[in-house]
């Protein structure tokens, strides 16, 4: 990791407000009070989430004109959508163009095809793989290097100097890309995802990202290493007739585009949210520092309290009904996971972040056959980082000379701004 670029690169690439601007949604002030009001009225509403909130539809994201939209805010209703595979599917990702950005990805697949492709990579992201291969091969060393780089400083921005860098370099190193290749790969996808970019520019940026990944893939096919691309280069996909074959270069590249790009973003924001919560409550910070078994619970609670990806789409496969509302075939559902994770019918005092809260499943990592593939690796990254910070900086606290930390973002992604702390 000695070839990492300077901090300005990470500040530019990992800025939640810039991310919201690139997506076209813009920054949205704390949406939770409005979501709570909408949930109290009904679990399912007609219209996009932005429209339900009284905002212009242009701030929605995951939107194309001419569709019928419904927004789902209740925990039970969203859980139904994820489990009713014959009624709701993922086809809208293809219509909205996400697959142009991230390839023919498992996020947009359904049914047998989804299961066949997910089975290829599932074993590499199971809890045992996260705590063994990923932690020992990648995460532990990265955390030690990143934290060690600022351990003698008096004040540090944890967002840019730890949260932003750890996930990107974890997936980059895990897949076998060099640090510079990882930065360029992510930069090209980000530029291609800019809603203001002309189509030709977007495609050129996506093609540049593909070229980086495909070059490494061909190298690993000839000379395998101990990395994910090598594992995928020799993994086998089961066809519908039961026969097996190796993945094509483009299929491996599509896994890279989804996992490397998404894994470098979601964990960045969620780690920052978790640290924000702990630093805002000294009593809970000290409780976790004294009892590290609470770290796992803390991560799950932060993901419930403020999931960094607040919303996902689904599409009705046929005419159906949800929570008493008729949903026609082809209608798009905006699933507001963040609202559902504070459903008072499931959690007492749901707006409170509480590391002692009894653990029960939230929707932070989705549900059903589309539950988050990388969640165990992500949780291992966050756990290792929090342990290291508490070991080395037991007196870590907000820097009073800095602007107060805040969570910000749009309707599609939320996370921290600068997290400036005093270390000693």
Protein backbone atom coordinates (compact mmCIF):
# COMPACT_ATOMS: atom_id res chain seq x y z
CA UNK A 1 0.00 0.00 0.00
CA UNK A 2 3.06 2.24 -0.09
CA UNK A 3 1.98 3.57 -3.51
CA UNK A 4 -1.21 5.15 -2.19
CA UNK A 5 -1.94 8.64 -3.46
CA UNK A 6 -2.20 11.67 -1.23
CA UNK A 7 -5.18 12.40 0.99
CA UNK A 8 -6.73 14.84 -1.51
CA UNK A 9 -7.57 11.88 -3.76
CA UNK A 10 -9.58 10.26 -0.99
CA UNK A 11 -11.22 13.55 -0.02
CA UNK A 12 -12.42 13.97 -3.61
CA UNK A 13 -13.52 10.37 -4.16
CA UNK A 14 -15.07 9.79 -0.75
CA UNK A 15 -17.27 12.79 -0.05
CA UNK A 16 -20.94 12.03 0.58
CA UNK A 17 -22.16 15.43 -0.59
CA UNK A 18 -20.12 15.21 -3.81
CA UNK A 19 -21.50 11.69 -4.26
CA UNK A 20 -25.04 13.07 -4.00
CA UNK A 21 -24.22 15.76 -6.54
CA UNK A 22 -22.77 13.21 -8.99
CA UNK A 23 -25.90 11.09 -8.74
CA UNK A 24 -28.12 14.12 -9.35
CA UNK A 25 -30.11 13.73 -6.14
CA UNK A 26 -28.48 16.55 -4.22
CA UNK A 27 -28.10 16.78 -0.46
CA UNK A 28 -31.17 16.10 1.67
CA UNK A 29 -31.42 17.27 5.27
CA UNK A 30 -32.25 14.67 7.94
CA UNK A 31 -35.03 12.67 6.23
CA UNK A 32 -35.90 10.44 9.18
CA UNK A 33 -38.65 12.62 10.73
CA UNK A 34 -40.51 12.78 7.41
CA UNK A 35 -40.07 9.04 6.83
CA UNK A 36 -41.45 8.37 10.30
CA UNK A 37 -44.54 10.45 9.52
CA UNK A 38 -45.09 8.62 6.23
CA UNK A 39 -44.71 5.24 7.94
CA UNK A 40 -47.19 6.27 10.61
CA UNK A 41 -49.71 7.10 7.87
CA UNK A 42 -49.28 3.83 5.94
CA UNK A 43 -46.60 1.25 5.10
CA UNK A 44 -47.07 1.76 1.33
CA UNK A 45 -47.63 5.04 -0.53
CA UNK A 46 -48.19 5.85 -4.19
CA UNK A 47 -45.35 7.79 -5.81
CA UNK A 48 -41.58 7.96 -5.41
CA UNK A 49 -39.98 8.56 -2.03
CA UNK A 50 -39.07 12.10 -3.13
CA UNK A 51 -42.68 12.82 -4.14
CA UNK A 52 -43.98 11.40 -0.87
CA UNK A 53 -41.61 13.77 0.94
CA UNK A 54 -42.85 16.77 -1.06
CA UNK A 55 -39.60 17.03 -3.02
CA UNK A 56 -39.06 17.32 -6.80
CA UNK A 57 -38.92 13.94 -8.46
CA UNK A 58 -35.57 14.96 -9.97
CA UNK A 59 -34.03 14.48 -6.53
CA UNK A 60 -35.14 10.87 -6.42
CA UNK A 61 -32.54 8.83 -8.23
CA UNK A 62 -33.48 5.31 -9.42
CA UNK A 63 -36.13 7.00 -11.53
CA UNK A 64 -37.11 7.10 -15.19
CA UNK A 65 -40.23 8.87 -16.47
CA UNK A 66 -43.28 6.97 -17.56
CA UNK A 67 -43.29 4.37 -14.79
CA UNK A 68 -45.77 3.95 -11.97
CA UNK A 69 -44.08 4.21 -8.58
CA UNK A 70 -44.85 3.11 -5.05
CA UNK A 71 -42.82 3.77 -1.91
CA UNK A 72 -42.61 1.20 0.87
CA UNK A 73 -41.73 2.29 4.42
CA UNK A 74 -42.88 -0.53 6.71
CA UNK A 75 -40.60 -3.33 7.92
CA UNK A 76 -43.15 -6.05 7.31
CA UNK A 77 -44.06 -4.82 3.84
CA UNK A 78 -40.43 -4.56 2.69
CA UNK A 79 -39.66 -8.00 4.12
CA UNK A 80 -42.55 -9.35 2.02
CA UNK A 81 -41.16 -7.76 -1.14
CA UNK A 82 -37.78 -9.42 -0.60
CA UNK A 83 -39.29 -12.87 -0.02
CA UNK A 84 -42.09 -12.88 -2.63
CA UNK A 85 -39.85 -13.83 -5.53
CA UNK A 86 -42.74 -14.59 -7.89
CA UNK A 87 -44.24 -11.13 -7.40
CA UNK A 88 -41.25 -8.78 -7.21
CA UNK A 89 -37.94 -8.80 -9.07
CA UNK A 90 -34.78 -6.84 -9.81
CA UNK A 91 -35.33 -6.06 -13.48
CA UNK A 92 -35.53 -2.30 -12.95
CA UNK A 93 -31.74 -2.19 -12.56
CA UNK A 94 -31.48 -3.10 -16.24
CA UNK A 95 -33.95 -0.41 -17.26
CA UNK A 96 -32.29 2.32 -15.20
CA UNK A 97 -28.85 1.64 -16.66
CA UNK A 98 -27.07 0.42 -13.52
CA UNK A 99 -25.89 -2.64 -15.41
CA UNK A 100 -24.19 -0.36 -17.93
CA UNK A 101 -22.13 1.01 -15.02
CA UNK A 102 -21.50 -2.21 -13.10
CA UNK A 103 -22.01 -4.93 -15.68
CA UNK A 104 -24.25 -8.00 -15.80
CA UNK A 105 -24.30 -8.15 -12.01
CA UNK A 106 -26.01 -10.47 -9.56
CA UNK A 107 -27.80 -7.46 -8.05
CA UNK A 108 -29.95 -7.31 -11.19
CA UNK A 109 -30.52 -11.07 -11.56
CA UNK A 110 -33.43 -13.13 -10.29
CA UNK A 111 -34.40 -16.75 -9.86
CA UNK A 112 -32.18 -19.65 -10.98
CA UNK A 113 -29.79 -17.40 -12.89
CA UNK A 114 -29.15 -15.32 -9.77
CA UNK A 115 -28.55 -18.43 -7.69
CA UNK A 116 -26.16 -19.96 -10.25
CA UNK A 117 -23.97 -16.85 -10.45
CA UNK A 118 -24.13 -16.03 -6.75
CA UNK A 119 -23.08 -19.60 -5.91
CA UNK A 120 -19.80 -19.00 -7.77
CA UNK A 121 -18.66 -16.34 -5.27
CA UNK A 122 -20.70 -17.08 -2.16
CA UNK A 123 -18.06 -19.25 -0.50
CA UNK A 124 -15.45 -16.49 -0.73
CA UNK A 125 -17.60 -14.14 1.38
CA UNK A 126 -18.95 -16.45 4.08
CA UNK A 127 -18.25 -15.62 7.77
CA UNK A 128 -15.33 -18.07 7.97
CA UNK A 129 -13.72 -16.60 4.86
CA UNK A 130 -14.19 -13.08 6.24
CA UNK A 131 -12.58 -13.87 9.59
CA UNK A 132 -9.81 -16.03 8.12
CA UNK A 133 -8.73 -15.26 4.54
CA UNK A 134 -9.94 -11.66 4.31
CA UNK A 135 -8.85 -10.64 7.79
CA UNK A 136 -5.49 -12.38 7.81
CA UNK A 137 -4.63 -11.81 4.16
CA UNK A 138 -5.82 -8.19 3.85
CA UNK A 139 -7.72 -6.42 6.62
CA UNK A 140 -5.45 -6.72 9.67
CA UNK A 141 -2.39 -5.38 7.86
CA UNK A 142 -4.27 -2.52 6.25
CA UNK A 143 -5.77 -1.41 9.56
CA UNK A 144 -2.38 -1.53 11.23
CA UNK A 145 -0.79 0.52 8.44
CA UNK A 146 -3.57 3.11 8.20
CA UNK A 147 -3.90 3.64 11.95
CA UNK A 148 -0.14 3.60 12.38
CA UNK A 149 0.20 6.41 9.85
CA UNK A 150 -1.57 8.87 12.15
CA UNK A 151 -1.07 7.42 15.62
CA UNK A 152 1.42 10.13 16.64
CA UNK A 153 -0.81 12.96 15.40
CA UNK A 154 -2.81 14.99 17.85
CA UNK A 155 -5.83 15.51 15.60
CA UNK A 156 -7.05 13.47 12.62
CA UNK A 157 -10.03 13.22 10.28
CA UNK A 158 -11.08 9.60 10.67
CA UNK A 159 -13.32 9.83 7.61
CA UNK A 160 -10.61 10.62 5.07
CA UNK A 161 -7.68 8.93 6.80
CA UNK A 162 -9.33 5.65 7.81
CA UNK A 163 -12.97 5.15 6.83
CA UNK A 164 -12.51 6.12 3.18
CA UNK A 165 -9.28 4.24 2.64
CA UNK A 166 -9.74 0.94 4.47
CA UNK A 167 -12.65 -0.48 2.42
CA UNK A 168 -11.29 0.61 -0.95
CA UNK A 169 -7.87 -0.88 -0.32
CA UNK A 170 -9.41 -4.00 1.24
CA UNK A 171 -11.38 -4.91 -1.88
CA UNK A 172 -8.59 -3.66 -4.15
CA UNK A 173 -5.95 -5.83 -2.48
CA UNK A 174 -8.36 -8.72 -2.00
CA UNK A 175 -9.14 -8.84 -5.70
CA UNK A 176 -5.50 -8.43 -6.72
CA UNK A 177 -5.42 -4.87 -8.05
CA UNK A 178 -2.56 -2.56 -7.11
CA UNK A 179 -3.46 0.53 -5.04
CA UNK A 180 -3.11 2.77 -8.09
CA UNK A 181 -5.18 0.41 -10.24
CA UNK A 182 -7.86 0.45 -7.54
CA UNK A 183 -7.94 4.26 -7.46
CA UNK A 184 -8.13 4.55 -11.24
CA UNK A 185 -10.75 1.79 -11.48
CA UNK A 186 -13.00 3.59 -8.98
CA UNK A 187 -12.37 7.00 -10.52
CA UNK A 188 -13.44 5.83 -13.98
CA UNK A 189 -16.68 4.30 -12.66
CA UNK A 190 -17.46 7.43 -10.66
CA UNK A 191 -16.91 9.67 -13.69
CA UNK A 192 -19.03 7.39 -15.82
CA UNK A 193 -21.80 7.58 -13.25
CA UNK A 194 -21.92 11.40 -13.34
CA UNK A 195 -25.50 12.22 -14.33
CA UNK A 196 -24.30 15.29 -16.28
CA UNK A 197 -21.78 13.36 -18.39
CA UNK A 198 -22.66 12.85 -22.08
CA UNK A 199 -23.37 9.23 -23.03
CA UNK A 200 -20.15 8.92 -25.02
CA UNK A 201 -18.08 10.12 -22.07
CA UNK A 202 -19.89 7.76 -19.72
CA UNK A 203 -19.20 4.76 -21.93
CA UNK A 204 -15.54 5.76 -22.37
CA UNK A 205 -15.10 5.89 -18.60
CA UNK A 206 -16.79 2.52 -18.09
CA UNK A 207 -14.65 1.02 -20.86
CA UNK A 208 -11.52 2.35 -19.16
CA UNK A 209 -12.52 0.69 -15.88
CA UNK A 210 -13.22 -2.57 -17.70
CA UNK A 211 -9.81 -2.44 -19.37
CA UNK A 212 -8.04 -2.16 -16.00
CA UNK A 213 -9.88 -5.17 -14.58
CA UNK A 214 -9.61 -7.31 -17.70
CA UNK A 215 -5.84 -6.77 -17.91
CA UNK A 216 -5.41 -8.11 -14.36
CA UNK A 217 -7.81 -10.99 -15.04
CA UNK A 218 -5.78 -12.17 -18.06
CA UNK A 219 -2.59 -11.95 -16.01
CA UNK A 220 -4.12 -14.13 -13.29
CA UNK A 221 -5.39 -16.69 -15.80
CA UNK A 222 -1.76 -17.18 -16.83
CA UNK A 223 -0.18 -16.74 -13.39
CA UNK A 224 -2.66 -17.21 -10.50
CA UNK A 225 -1.99 -15.55 -7.15
CA UNK A 226 -3.66 -15.69 -3.74
CA UNK A 227 -6.39 -13.20 -4.61
CA UNK A 228 -10.06 -13.10 -5.56
CA UNK A 229 -9.51 -12.62 -9.27
CA UNK A 230 -7.40 -15.78 -9.35
CA UNK A 231 -10.10 -17.65 -7.42
CA UNK A 232 -12.74 -16.47 -9.89
CA UNK A 233 -10.52 -17.25 -12.88
CA UNK A 234 -10.60 -20.93 -11.91
CA UNK A 235 -14.09 -21.07 -10.36
CA UNK A 236 -16.82 -22.98 -12.14
CA UNK A 237 -20.32 -21.83 -13.06
CA UNK A 238 -23.03 -24.46 -13.18
CA UNK A 239 -25.17 -24.15 -16.29
CA UNK A 240 -28.90 -24.77 -16.34
CA UNK A 241 -28.38 -28.28 -17.72
CA UNK A 242 -26.05 -29.17 -14.84
CA UNK A 243 -22.81 -28.90 -16.82
CA UNK A 244 -20.02 -26.68 -15.53
CA UNK A 245 -17.65 -24.21 -17.15
CA UNK A 246 -15.17 -21.56 -16.12
CA UNK A 247 -16.20 -17.91 -16.09
CA UNK A 248 -15.40 -15.72 -19.07
CA UNK A 249 -13.13 -12.69 -18.68
CA UNK A 250 -16.16 -10.40 -18.93
CA UNK A 251 -18.07 -12.37 -16.28
CA UNK A 252 -15.14 -12.07 -13.87
CA UNK A 253 -14.88 -8.39 -14.73
CA UNK A 254 -18.55 -7.87 -13.91
CA UNK A 255 -18.04 -9.38 -10.46
CA UNK A 256 -15.11 -6.99 -10.01
CA UNK A 257 -17.11 -3.98 -11.13
CA UNK A 258 -19.88 -4.66 -8.63
CA UNK A 259 -17.92 -5.87 -5.60
CA UNK A 260 -14.85 -3.64 -5.85
CA UNK A 261 -16.87 -0.49 -6.51
CA UNK A 262 -19.74 -1.17 -4.10
CA UNK A 263 -17.55 -2.69 -1.40
CA UNK A 264 -15.30 0.36 -1.43
CA UNK A 265 -18.25 2.68 -0.87
CA UNK A 266 -20.78 1.11 1.45
CA UNK A 267 -18.31 0.10 4.17
CA UNK A 268 -16.67 3.54 4.06
CA UNK A 269 -19.95 5.21 4.90
CA UNK A 270 -21.12 2.64 7.47
CA UNK A 271 -17.84 2.64 9.37
CA UNK A 272 -18.06 6.42 9.56
CA UNK A 273 -21.66 6.26 10.77
CA UNK A 274 -20.66 3.77 13.48
CA UNK A 275 -17.80 5.95 14.73
CA UNK A 276 -20.05 9.01 14.61
CA UNK A 277 -22.57 7.25 16.85
CA UNK A 278 -19.97 6.11 19.38
CA UNK A 279 -18.19 9.45 19.57
CA UNK A 280 -21.52 11.19 20.17
CA UNK A 281 -22.23 9.08 23.26
CA UNK A 282 -19.31 8.76 25.67
CA UNK A 283 -21.11 6.29 27.90
CA UNK A 284 -21.68 3.89 25.03
CA UNK A 285 -18.14 4.46 23.73
CA UNK A 286 -16.72 3.44 27.09
CA UNK A 287 -19.06 0.47 27.35
CA UNK A 288 -17.80 -0.85 24.01
CA UNK A 289 -14.18 -0.13 24.86
CA UNK A 290 -14.55 -2.11 28.09
CA UNK A 291 -16.44 -5.01 26.48
CA UNK A 292 -15.30 -5.67 22.93
CA UNK A 293 -17.96 -8.32 22.48
CA UNK A 294 -20.30 -5.35 22.01
CA UNK A 295 -18.57 -4.30 18.78
CA UNK A 296 -20.52 -6.73 16.62
CA UNK A 297 -23.76 -5.52 18.18
CA UNK A 298 -22.65 -1.90 17.72
CA UNK A 299 -22.08 -2.40 14.00
CA UNK A 300 -25.49 -4.02 13.54
CA UNK A 301 -27.14 -1.25 15.55
CA UNK A 302 -25.50 1.50 13.51
CA UNK A 303 -26.61 -0.23 10.30
CA UNK A 304 -30.15 -0.39 11.68
CA UNK A 305 -30.13 3.18 12.96
CA UNK A 306 -28.76 4.68 9.74
CA UNK A 307 -28.08 2.28 6.86
CA UNK A 308 -25.70 3.97 4.44
CA UNK A 309 -27.83 2.85 1.47
CA UNK A 310 -31.32 3.99 2.56
CA UNK A 311 -33.25 2.78 -0.47
CA UNK A 312 -33.34 0.03 -3.10
CA UNK A 313 -35.72 -0.58 -6.03
CA UNK A 314 -37.84 -3.58 -6.94
CA UNK A 315 -40.32 -4.09 -9.77
CA UNK A 316 -43.64 -5.91 -9.85
CA UNK A 317 -43.44 -9.01 -12.04
CA UNK A 318 -47.22 -9.36 -12.18
CA UNK A 319 -50.33 -7.66 -10.84
CA UNK A 320 -50.30 -8.13 -7.11
CA UNK A 321 -51.07 -6.51 -3.76
CA UNK A 322 -48.87 -5.29 -0.91
CA UNK A 323 -50.20 -4.19 2.49
CA UNK A 324 -53.65 -3.81 0.97
CA UNK A 325 -52.43 -1.65 -1.94
CA UNK A 326 -52.90 -2.88 -5.51
CA UNK A 327 -49.55 -2.96 -7.36
CA UNK A 328 -49.79 -3.34 -11.17
CA UNK A 329 -47.33 -5.33 -13.22
CA UNK A 330 -44.28 -3.24 -14.14
CA UNK A 331 -44.67 -0.77 -11.28
CA UNK A 332 -41.46 0.21 -9.50
CA UNK A 333 -41.24 -0.02 -5.73
CA UNK A 334 -38.82 2.19 -3.84
CA UNK A 335 -38.00 0.26 -0.68
CA UNK A 336 -37.05 2.74 2.05
CA UNK A 337 -34.96 0.42 4.21
CA UNK A 338 -33.89 3.24 6.49
CA UNK A 339 -37.50 4.02 7.42
CA UNK A 340 -38.30 0.34 7.94
CA UNK A 341 -35.30 -0.02 10.23
CA UNK A 342 -36.95 2.44 12.59
CA UNK A 343 -40.40 0.88 12.43
CA UNK A 344 -41.84 1.32 15.96
CA UNK A 345 -43.87 -1.84 15.55
CA UNK A 346 -40.58 -3.76 15.63
CA UNK A 347 -38.23 -1.63 17.78
CA UNK A 348 -38.84 0.29 20.99
CA UNK A 349 -37.60 3.89 20.88
CA UNK A 350 -36.36 3.26 17.30
CA UNK A 351 -34.75 6.69 16.82
CA UNK A 352 -32.23 6.01 19.59
CA UNK A 353 -28.85 4.45 18.83
CA UNK A 354 -28.35 1.86 21.57
CA UNK A 355 -25.52 -0.70 21.63
CA UNK A 356 -27.36 -2.62 24.36
CA UNK A 357 -30.50 -3.07 22.26
CA UNK A 358 -31.48 -6.75 21.87
CA UNK A 359 -30.33 -7.87 18.44
CA UNK A 360 -32.96 -8.73 15.89
CA UNK A 361 -32.79 -8.70 12.11
CA UNK A 362 -33.00 -5.36 10.37
CA UNK A 363 -33.05 -4.64 6.65
CA UNK A 364 -29.67 -2.92 6.59
CA UNK A 365 -28.18 -5.80 4.60
CA UNK A 366 -31.38 -6.41 2.59
CA UNK A 367 -33.05 -9.81 3.00
CA UNK A 368 -33.79 -13.12 1.33
CA UNK A 369 -31.78 -14.36 -1.64
CA UNK A 370 -30.52 -10.83 -2.32
CA UNK A 371 -29.03 -10.27 1.14
CA UNK A 372 -25.74 -8.37 0.94
CA UNK A 373 -22.98 -10.65 -0.40
CA UNK A 374 -20.14 -8.75 1.26
CA UNK A 375 -21.70 -8.05 4.64
CA UNK A 376 -19.41 -10.38 6.61
CA UNK A 377 -16.25 -8.92 5.07
CA UNK A 378 -17.60 -5.43 5.73
CA UNK A 379 -18.33 -6.22 9.35
CA UNK A 380 -14.85 -7.72 9.75
CA UNK A 381 -13.30 -4.50 8.42
CA UNK A 382 -15.33 -2.35 10.78
CA UNK A 383 -14.71 -4.56 13.80
CA UNK A 384 -10.95 -4.66 13.21
CA UNK A 385 -10.79 -0.89 12.74
CA UNK A 386 -12.85 -0.09 15.85
CA UNK A 387 -10.78 -2.47 17.96
CA UNK A 388 -7.56 -0.85 16.76
CA UNK A 389 -8.79 2.67 17.48
CA UNK A 390 -9.94 1.75 20.98
CA UNK A 391 -6.70 -0.09 21.71
CA UNK A 392 -4.45 2.77 20.64
CA UNK A 393 -6.58 5.82 21.46
CA UNK A 394 -8.70 5.15 24.56
CA UNK A 395 -9.16 8.90 25.04
CA UNK A 396 -10.28 9.54 21.44
CA UNK A 397 -12.90 12.31 21.33
CA UNK A 398 -14.27 15.03 19.08
CA UNK A 399 -11.89 17.89 18.29
CA UNK A 400 -13.67 20.99 19.70
CA UNK A 401 -11.81 23.28 17.30
CA UNK A 402 -13.35 21.57 14.25
CA UNK A 403 -16.78 22.00 12.73
CA UNK A 404 -19.25 19.61 14.45
CA UNK A 405 -19.43 16.27 12.66
CA UNK A 406 -22.63 15.45 10.82
CA UNK A 407 -24.26 12.77 8.72
CA UNK A 408 -25.32 13.92 5.30
CA UNK A 409 -26.05 12.77 1.74
CA UNK A 410 -29.01 12.19 -0.54
CA UNK A 411 -31.84 9.68 -0.76
CA UNK A 412 -29.61 6.92 -2.16
CA UNK A 413 -26.50 7.17 0.02
CA UNK A 414 -25.85 8.72 3.42
CA UNK A 415 -22.75 8.92 5.55
CA UNK A 416 -20.37 11.19 7.42
CA UNK A 417 -18.64 14.40 6.53
CA UNK A 418 -15.29 15.01 8.26
CA UNK A 419 -14.82 13.13 11.54
CA UNK A 420 -12.16 15.29 13.19
CA UNK A 421 -11.03 13.86 16.53
CA UNK A 422 -8.33 14.38 19.13
CA UNK A 423 -6.45 11.12 19.63
CA UNK A 424 -4.57 11.55 22.92
